[in-house]
């Protein structure tokens, strides 16, 4: 059992809930490029209002 105080334990990120519009755009991009580079992921993140670290895997990998 972990004896560290609760504040020191690593917090898990909350699961991202995508809107229908965000999913449609992500599917469109991943069909063209299943592994987009950091530049495209950052651009998409700004466009979709997400963090770029969320946009990193093809959606099929998340099923």
C-alpha atoms as a PDB file:
ATOM      1  CA  UNK A   1       0.000   0.000   0.000  1.00  0.00           C
ATOM      2  CA  UNK A   2       1.218   3.522  -0.787  1.00  0.00           C
ATOM      3  CA  UNK A   3       2.026   5.479   2.382  1.00  0.00           C
ATOM      4  CA  UNK A   4       2.364   8.883   0.677  1.00  0.00           C
ATOM      5  CA  UNK A   5      -0.179  11.572   1.529  1.00  0.00           C
ATOM      6  CA  UNK A   6      -3.047  11.939  -0.941  1.00  0.00           C
ATOM      7  CA  UNK A   7      -1.682  15.283  -2.231  1.00  0.00           C
ATOM      8  CA  UNK A   8       1.582  13.635  -3.345  1.00  0.00           C
ATOM      9  CA  UNK A   9      -0.082  10.844  -5.302  1.00  0.00           C
ATOM     10  CA  UNK A  10      -0.157  11.367  -9.049  1.00  0.00           C
ATOM     11  CA  UNK A  11      -3.501  12.657 -10.285  1.00  0.00           C
ATOM     12  CA  UNK A  12      -4.985  10.955 -13.333  1.00  0.00           C
ATOM     13  CA  UNK A  13      -6.239  13.203 -16.108  1.00  0.00           C
ATOM     14  CA  UNK A  14      -9.988  13.206 -16.571  1.00  0.00           C
ATOM     15  CA  UNK A  15     -11.249  11.387 -19.643  1.00  0.00           C
ATOM     16  CA  UNK A  16     -11.831  13.753 -22.565  1.00  0.00           C
ATOM     17  CA  UNK A  17     -15.356  13.921 -23.948  1.00  0.00           C
ATOM     18  CA  UNK A  18     -15.340  14.950 -27.597  1.00  0.00           C
ATOM     19  CA  UNK A  19     -18.228  16.790 -29.236  1.00  0.00           C
ATOM     20  CA  UNK A  20     -19.674  15.464 -32.488  1.00  0.00           C
ATOM     21  CA  UNK A  21     -17.936  18.292 -34.372  1.00  0.00           C
ATOM     22  CA  UNK A  22     -14.563  17.539 -32.746  1.00  0.00           C
ATOM     23  CA  UNK A  23     -14.901  13.838 -33.567  1.00  0.00           C
ATOM     24  CA  UNK A  24     -15.815  14.551 -37.181  1.00  0.00           C
ATOM     25  CA  UNK A  25     -12.786  16.814 -37.629  1.00  0.00           C
ATOM     26  CA  UNK A  26     -10.422  14.363 -35.913  1.00  0.00           C
ATOM     27  CA  UNK A  27     -11.695  11.470 -38.042  1.00  0.00           C
ATOM     28  CA  UNK A  28     -11.194  13.577 -41.174  1.00  0.00           C
ATOM     29  CA  UNK A  29      -7.590  14.354 -40.233  1.00  0.00           C
ATOM     30  CA  UNK A  30      -6.696  10.832 -39.098  1.00  0.00           C
ATOM     31  CA  UNK A  31      -7.996   9.374 -42.363  1.00  0.00           C
ATOM     32  CA  UNK A  32      -5.474  11.551 -44.194  1.00  0.00           C
ATOM     33  CA  UNK A  33      -2.624  11.111 -41.692  1.00  0.00           C
ATOM     34  CA  UNK A  34      -2.964   8.456 -38.958  1.00  0.00           C
ATOM     35  CA  UNK A  35       0.037   9.855 -37.051  1.00  0.00           C
ATOM     36  CA  UNK A  36       0.043  13.659 -37.412  1.00  0.00           C
ATOM     37  CA  UNK A  37       3.145  15.557 -36.321  1.00  0.00           C
ATOM     38  CA  UNK A  38       3.303  17.994 -33.444  1.00  0.00           C
ATOM     39  CA  UNK A  39       2.676  21.039 -35.673  1.00  0.00           C
ATOM     40  CA  UNK A  40      -0.622  19.631 -36.988  1.00  0.00           C
ATOM     41  CA  UNK A  41      -1.667  18.388 -33.540  1.00  0.00           C
ATOM     42  CA  UNK A  42      -1.060  21.840 -32.041  1.00  0.00           C
ATOM     43  CA  UNK A  43      -3.016  23.472 -34.874  1.00  0.00           C
ATOM     44  CA  UNK A  44      -5.919  21.054 -34.379  1.00  0.00           C
ATOM     45  CA  UNK A  45      -5.835  21.582 -30.633  1.00  0.00           C
ATOM     46  CA  UNK A  46      -6.243  25.338 -31.086  1.00  0.00           C
ATOM     47  CA  UNK A  47      -8.970  24.826 -33.692  1.00  0.00           C
ATOM     48  CA  UNK A  48     -10.910  22.348 -31.535  1.00  0.00           C
ATOM     49  CA  UNK A  49     -10.245  23.850 -28.112  1.00  0.00           C
ATOM     50  CA  UNK A  50      -8.288  20.828 -26.850  1.00  0.00           C
ATOM     51  CA  UNK A  51      -4.831  20.209 -25.407  1.00  0.00           C
ATOM     52  CA  UNK A  52      -2.389  19.016 -28.075  1.00  0.00           C
ATOM     53  CA  UNK A  53      -1.411  15.991 -25.951  1.00  0.00           C
ATOM     54  CA  UNK A  54      -4.989  14.701 -26.395  1.00  0.00           C
ATOM     55  CA  UNK A  55      -4.552  14.614 -30.182  1.00  0.00           C
ATOM     56  CA  UNK A  56      -1.968  11.910 -30.623  1.00  0.00           C
ATOM     57  CA  UNK A  57      -3.475   8.542 -31.521  1.00  0.00           C
ATOM     58  CA  UNK A  58      -5.815   7.449 -34.287  1.00  0.00           C
ATOM     59  CA  UNK A  59      -9.343   7.216 -32.939  1.00  0.00           C
ATOM     60  CA  UNK A  60      -9.472   3.488 -33.739  1.00  0.00           C
ATOM     61  CA  UNK A  61      -6.755   2.951 -31.121  1.00  0.00           C
ATOM     62  CA  UNK A  62      -8.990   4.467 -28.477  1.00  0.00           C
ATOM     63  CA  UNK A  63     -11.913   2.066 -28.989  1.00  0.00           C
END
